[in-house]
């Protein structure tokens, strides 16, 4: 299989900057794996790299959708595959860089994503059934779907019961498209929290609140902005007067970004193939050595 270098990690870890420096060394192009950077106009709040920060490195999967547009995991996977394959066909090395774990996994693991349209009537019926009855449906129709299923998560059980009633016997097996080297970027917890605070302060100074104001004025709905989470959600709430003060807004947003970083680490620890880079040492040369060995073996 063709080779793909992946650089992922937590918020404010420096993965974008490290990715750009490494891409310049290996004459690579970057495919972004960030669920908010796909949207036009979501710049400061999403941490999207600027043209100056790109330093001449070509980036893909940025600004590929407009606010309010629905953009699925399948949309991302297809766009990422197309970009990566195009890069490879031109004899260039592809890097996948980003912190949206589901996006990263969909490409690295080669998710076979079901594109079957949901049966909304069936979903309403299942939603009205008690958890025990849903579990019994699965046990009767497709008992193998119970393996690994969180039986306390009613929504997950409902979706699994829907699969069982449709005759689906199991998830489609993954089909990886590339041989991958996955590098992980993060910091000790207290250092990471300070980096998160510094980045939040910088973005607010640069006009992150005005960015959200502008998005609303140009037609981005409150529902869309709220659904983006973190900066966009809490700035929207602040603009709607849902915080008693700027300080209360700031403290809540900072706490939620820290919480996301913890969730990201929990997510990434499930992957046993991540090579964690020591960011307190010489991360560039450490990563470059692993990439060089990977590309030349």
Protein backbone atom coordinates (compact mmCIF):
# COMPACT_ATOMS: atom_id res chain seq x y z
CA UNK A 1 0.00 0.00 0.00
CA UNK A 2 0.99 3.63 -0.47
CA UNK A 3 2.34 5.36 2.62
CA UNK A 4 0.64 8.06 4.68
CA UNK A 5 2.14 10.03 7.58
CA UNK A 6 -0.37 11.03 10.25
CA UNK A 7 0.20 13.73 12.88
CA UNK A 8 -2.53 14.01 15.48
CA UNK A 9 -2.98 15.13 19.06
CA UNK A 10 -4.78 17.38 21.48
CA UNK A 11 -5.87 21.00 21.18
CA UNK A 12 -3.05 23.55 21.52
CA UNK A 13 -0.40 20.85 21.24
CA UNK A 14 1.40 22.39 18.27
CA UNK A 15 0.62 19.63 15.78
CA UNK A 16 -0.15 22.06 12.93
CA UNK A 17 3.14 23.90 13.29
CA UNK A 18 5.14 20.70 13.64
CA UNK A 19 3.30 19.22 10.65
CA UNK A 20 4.22 22.20 8.47
CA UNK A 21 7.90 22.08 9.45
CA UNK A 22 8.05 18.34 8.75
CA UNK A 23 6.15 18.73 5.49
CA UNK A 24 8.74 21.24 4.28
CA UNK A 25 11.55 18.83 5.12
CA UNK A 26 9.92 15.92 3.27
CA UNK A 27 8.38 17.97 0.42
CA UNK A 28 4.96 16.84 1.60
CA UNK A 29 1.44 18.23 1.32
CA UNK A 30 -1.01 18.33 4.24
CA UNK A 31 -4.56 17.05 4.37
CA UNK A 32 -6.38 18.60 7.32
CA UNK A 33 -8.38 16.31 9.65
CA UNK A 34 -10.38 18.89 11.59
CA UNK A 35 -14.18 18.89 11.69
CA UNK A 36 -14.48 22.69 11.92
CA UNK A 37 -11.69 23.80 9.62
CA UNK A 38 -13.63 22.35 6.69
CA UNK A 39 -15.95 25.39 6.87
CA UNK A 40 -15.32 28.75 5.21
CA UNK A 41 -15.06 31.62 7.66
CA UNK A 42 -14.36 29.49 10.71
CA UNK A 43 -10.79 30.63 11.16
CA UNK A 44 -9.85 31.90 14.61
CA UNK A 45 -12.29 29.68 16.48
CA UNK A 46 -11.09 26.55 14.71
CA UNK A 47 -7.39 27.38 14.83
CA UNK A 48 -7.11 27.25 11.05
CA UNK A 49 -3.59 27.96 9.81
CA UNK A 50 -3.13 31.19 7.89
CA UNK A 51 -1.43 31.49 4.49
CA UNK A 52 1.63 32.90 6.24
CA UNK A 53 1.74 30.00 8.72
CA UNK A 54 1.48 27.48 5.86
CA UNK A 55 4.91 28.73 4.74
CA UNK A 56 4.34 27.52 1.19
CA UNK A 57 3.11 24.04 2.17
CA UNK A 58 -0.01 23.12 0.21
CA UNK A 59 -3.03 22.25 2.39
CA UNK A 60 -6.17 20.29 1.49
CA UNK A 61 -9.62 19.86 3.11
CA UNK A 62 -9.78 23.44 4.37
CA UNK A 63 -12.76 25.67 3.45
CA UNK A 64 -14.52 22.91 1.52
CA UNK A 65 -18.00 23.61 2.94
CA UNK A 66 -20.07 26.69 3.73
CA UNK A 67 -21.65 27.46 7.11
CA UNK A 68 -25.02 25.73 7.65
CA UNK A 69 -24.12 22.94 5.18
CA UNK A 70 -24.33 19.38 6.45
CA UNK A 71 -20.93 17.70 6.17
CA UNK A 72 -20.80 14.04 7.13
CA UNK A 73 -17.98 11.72 8.13
CA UNK A 74 -18.42 10.08 4.72
CA UNK A 75 -18.01 13.48 3.02
CA UNK A 76 -14.74 13.99 4.88
CA UNK A 77 -13.43 10.49 4.21
CA UNK A 78 -14.15 10.75 0.48
CA UNK A 79 -12.56 14.19 0.24
CA UNK A 80 -9.50 13.05 2.20
CA UNK A 81 -9.09 9.93 0.06
CA UNK A 82 -9.34 12.01 -3.12
CA UNK A 83 -6.77 14.51 -1.85
CA UNK A 84 -4.34 11.85 -0.60
CA UNK A 85 -4.57 9.82 -3.81
CA UNK A 86 -4.00 12.95 -5.91
CA UNK A 87 -0.93 13.84 -3.84
CA UNK A 88 0.48 10.33 -4.25
CA UNK A 89 -0.20 10.30 -8.02
CA UNK A 90 1.90 13.46 -8.32
CA UNK A 91 4.81 11.74 -6.57
CA UNK A 92 4.47 13.77 -3.36
CA UNK A 93 4.26 12.50 0.23
CA UNK A 94 0.86 12.99 1.93
CA UNK A 95 0.53 14.05 5.57
CA UNK A 96 -2.79 13.82 7.42
CA UNK A 97 -2.73 16.40 10.23
CA UNK A 98 -5.49 17.12 12.72
CA UNK A 99 -7.11 16.41 16.04
CA UNK A 100 -10.61 15.18 15.16
CA UNK A 101 -10.19 11.56 16.20
CA UNK A 102 -13.12 10.23 14.19
CA UNK A 103 -11.79 11.87 11.03
CA UNK A 104 -8.30 10.47 11.62
CA UNK A 105 -9.59 6.97 12.33
CA UNK A 106 -11.90 6.95 9.29
CA UNK A 107 -8.87 7.32 7.02
CA UNK A 108 -6.23 5.38 8.96
CA UNK A 109 -8.50 2.41 9.64
CA UNK A 110 -10.45 2.67 6.38
CA UNK A 111 -13.97 2.78 7.78
CA UNK A 112 -16.59 1.23 5.51
CA UNK A 113 -19.31 3.77 6.23
CA UNK A 114 -22.91 2.72 5.72
CA UNK A 115 -24.68 5.17 3.40
CA UNK A 116 -28.15 3.68 3.83
CA UNK A 117 -30.78 6.37 4.45
CA UNK A 118 -32.22 6.28 7.98
CA UNK A 119 -35.78 5.01 8.45
CA UNK A 120 -37.19 7.89 10.47
CA UNK A 121 -40.50 6.16 11.17
CA UNK A 122 -38.69 3.09 12.52
CA UNK A 123 -36.42 5.31 14.60
CA UNK A 124 -39.45 6.99 16.20
CA UNK A 125 -40.93 3.59 17.03
CA UNK A 126 -37.69 2.36 18.59
CA UNK A 127 -37.27 5.58 20.54
CA UNK A 128 -40.57 4.88 22.31
CA UNK A 129 -39.54 1.37 23.40
CA UNK A 130 -37.89 0.65 26.76
CA UNK A 131 -34.23 -0.32 26.84
CA UNK A 132 -34.94 -3.94 27.81
CA UNK A 133 -37.22 -4.45 24.81
CA UNK A 134 -34.62 -3.00 22.44
CA UNK A 135 -31.97 -5.38 23.80
CA UNK A 136 -34.36 -8.30 23.31
CA UNK A 137 -34.92 -7.28 19.67
CA UNK A 138 -31.17 -7.36 19.06
CA UNK A 139 -30.79 -10.68 20.87
CA UNK A 140 -33.52 -12.22 18.72
CA UNK A 141 -32.58 -10.77 15.33
CA UNK A 142 -28.78 -10.30 15.38
CA UNK A 143 -27.28 -11.40 18.71
CA UNK A 144 -23.72 -10.86 17.46
CA UNK A 145 -24.41 -7.11 17.45
CA UNK A 146 -24.50 -7.24 21.26
CA UNK A 147 -20.73 -7.85 21.34
CA UNK A 148 -19.07 -4.73 22.74
CA UNK A 149 -22.35 -2.78 22.78
CA UNK A 150 -22.80 -0.33 25.67
CA UNK A 151 -26.16 -1.53 26.97
CA UNK A 152 -26.60 1.61 29.09
CA UNK A 153 -26.40 3.92 26.07
CA UNK A 154 -30.02 3.95 24.87
CA UNK A 155 -29.33 5.85 21.65
CA UNK A 156 -26.57 3.39 20.72
CA UNK A 157 -28.88 0.48 21.53
CA UNK A 158 -31.66 2.04 19.42
CA UNK A 159 -29.36 2.31 16.39
CA UNK A 160 -28.20 -1.26 16.89
CA UNK A 161 -31.81 -2.48 17.12
CA UNK A 162 -32.49 -0.61 13.86
CA UNK A 163 -29.64 -2.52 12.22
CA UNK A 164 -30.95 -5.81 13.60
CA UNK A 165 -34.45 -5.21 12.24
CA UNK A 166 -32.97 -4.36 8.83
CA UNK A 167 -31.12 -7.68 8.77
CA UNK A 168 -27.65 -6.21 9.23
CA UNK A 169 -25.56 -8.91 10.90
CA UNK A 170 -22.54 -6.84 11.84
CA UNK A 171 -20.50 -3.77 11.02
CA UNK A 172 -18.67 -3.71 7.71
CA UNK A 173 -15.03 -4.66 8.31
CA UNK A 174 -12.52 -1.84 7.93
CA UNK A 175 -10.49 -1.67 4.73
CA UNK A 176 -7.31 0.40 5.23
CA UNK A 177 -6.21 2.15 2.04
CA UNK A 178 -2.70 3.12 3.18
CA UNK A 179 0.25 1.98 5.23
CA UNK A 180 0.40 4.57 8.00
CA UNK A 181 2.83 6.02 10.48
CA UNK A 182 0.86 7.73 13.25
CA UNK A 183 2.64 10.36 15.35
CA UNK A 184 1.00 11.78 18.49
CA UNK A 185 1.57 15.28 19.83
CA UNK A 186 0.73 16.48 23.34
CA UNK A 187 2.31 17.89 26.51
CA UNK A 188 2.29 17.20 30.25
CA UNK A 189 -1.13 18.21 31.57
CA UNK A 190 -0.20 21.46 33.33
CA UNK A 191 1.91 22.63 30.39
CA UNK A 192 -0.92 21.80 28.00
CA UNK A 193 -3.43 23.76 30.11
CA UNK A 194 -1.18 26.80 30.04
CA UNK A 195 -0.82 26.50 26.26
CA UNK A 196 -4.62 26.29 25.99
CA UNK A 197 -4.98 29.49 28.05
CA UNK A 198 -2.35 31.35 26.03
CA UNK A 199 -3.98 30.32 22.76
CA UNK A 200 -7.45 31.29 23.98
CA UNK A 201 -6.21 34.73 25.08
CA UNK A 202 -4.48 35.27 21.75
CA UNK A 203 -7.53 34.33 19.70
CA UNK A 204 -9.80 36.55 21.74
CA UNK A 205 -7.35 39.44 21.27
CA UNK A 206 -7.29 38.75 17.52
CA UNK A 207 -11.09 39.05 17.26
CA UNK A 208 -12.64 35.63 17.79
CA UNK A 209 -15.86 37.15 19.16
CA UNK A 210 -16.11 39.44 16.14
CA UNK A 211 -15.64 36.40 13.91
CA UNK A 212 -18.77 34.81 15.38
CA UNK A 213 -20.67 38.10 15.10
CA UNK A 214 -19.72 38.25 11.43
CA UNK A 215 -20.75 34.66 10.80
CA UNK A 216 -24.21 35.37 12.25
CA UNK A 217 -24.56 38.56 10.23
CA UNK A 218 -23.69 36.64 7.07
CA UNK A 219 -26.32 33.97 7.62
CA UNK A 220 -24.77 31.31 9.85
CA UNK A 221 -27.63 30.07 12.02
CA UNK A 222 -27.45 29.86 15.79
CA UNK A 223 -28.23 26.15 15.51
CA UNK A 224 -25.21 25.63 13.26
CA UNK A 225 -22.87 27.64 15.50
CA UNK A 226 -24.11 25.94 18.66
CA UNK A 227 -23.55 22.53 17.10
CA UNK A 228 -19.89 23.33 16.45
CA UNK A 229 -19.19 23.27 20.17
CA UNK A 230 -16.47 24.97 22.20
CA UNK A 231 -15.49 28.46 21.01
CA UNK A 232 -18.42 28.90 18.64
CA UNK A 233 -21.01 27.55 21.07
CA UNK A 234 -19.91 29.60 24.06
CA UNK A 235 -19.26 32.81 22.14
CA UNK A 236 -22.77 32.44 20.69
CA UNK A 237 -24.15 32.03 24.22
CA UNK A 238 -22.16 35.07 25.34
CA UNK A 239 -23.52 37.18 22.47
CA UNK A 240 -27.06 36.07 23.37
CA UNK A 241 -26.52 37.28 26.93
CA UNK A 242 -26.52 33.83 28.52
CA UNK A 243 -23.52 34.60 30.75
CA UNK A 244 -23.63 37.16 33.56
CA UNK A 245 -20.21 38.53 32.62
CA UNK A 246 -17.26 38.18 30.26
CA UNK A 247 -15.32 36.54 33.07
CA UNK A 248 -17.99 33.87 33.54
CA UNK A 249 -17.96 33.20 29.79
CA UNK A 250 -14.16 33.00 29.70
CA UNK A 251 -13.91 30.63 32.68
CA UNK A 252 -16.54 28.30 31.23
CA UNK A 253 -14.93 28.20 27.78
CA UNK A 254 -11.45 27.61 29.21
CA UNK A 255 -12.79 24.76 31.37
CA UNK A 256 -14.56 23.14 28.39
CA UNK A 257 -11.47 23.33 26.16
CA UNK A 258 -9.44 21.66 28.90
CA UNK A 259 -12.12 19.00 29.23
CA UNK A 260 -12.00 18.34 25.47
CA UNK A 261 -8.22 17.90 25.63
CA UNK A 262 -8.72 15.22 28.29
CA UNK A 263 -11.35 13.51 26.14
CA UNK A 264 -9.04 13.64 23.13
CA UNK A 265 -6.29 11.89 25.09
CA UNK A 266 -8.75 9.20 26.19
CA UNK A 267 -9.78 8.74 22.55
CA UNK A 268 -6.22 8.60 21.23
CA UNK A 269 -5.00 6.21 23.92
CA UNK A 270 -7.32 3.60 22.42
CA UNK A 271 -5.01 3.55 19.40
CA UNK A 272 -1.99 1.36 20.12
CA UNK A 273 -0.19 2.42 16.94
CA UNK A 274 0.46 6.04 17.96
CA UNK A 275 4.11 6.99 18.40
CA UNK A 276 4.03 9.78 20.99
CA UNK A 277 6.50 12.57 20.41
CA UNK A 278 8.34 14.09 23.39
CA UNK A 279 7.43 17.76 22.88
CA UNK A 280 9.65 18.78 25.80
CA UNK A 281 12.73 17.47 23.98
CA UNK A 282 13.56 17.77 20.27
CA UNK A 283 10.21 16.92 18.64
CA UNK A 284 11.21 17.91 15.10
CA UNK A 285 14.25 15.64 14.88
CA UNK A 286 12.53 12.82 16.78
CA UNK A 287 9.58 12.89 14.37
CA UNK A 288 11.77 13.39 11.31
CA UNK A 289 13.81 10.32 12.20
CA UNK A 290 10.71 8.13 12.43
CA UNK A 291 9.27 9.53 9.20
CA UNK A 292 12.54 9.01 7.34
CA UNK A 293 12.77 5.40 8.50
CA UNK A 294 9.09 4.80 7.61
CA UNK A 295 9.33 6.25 4.10
CA UNK A 296 12.55 4.45 3.24
CA UNK A 297 11.98 0.99 4.65
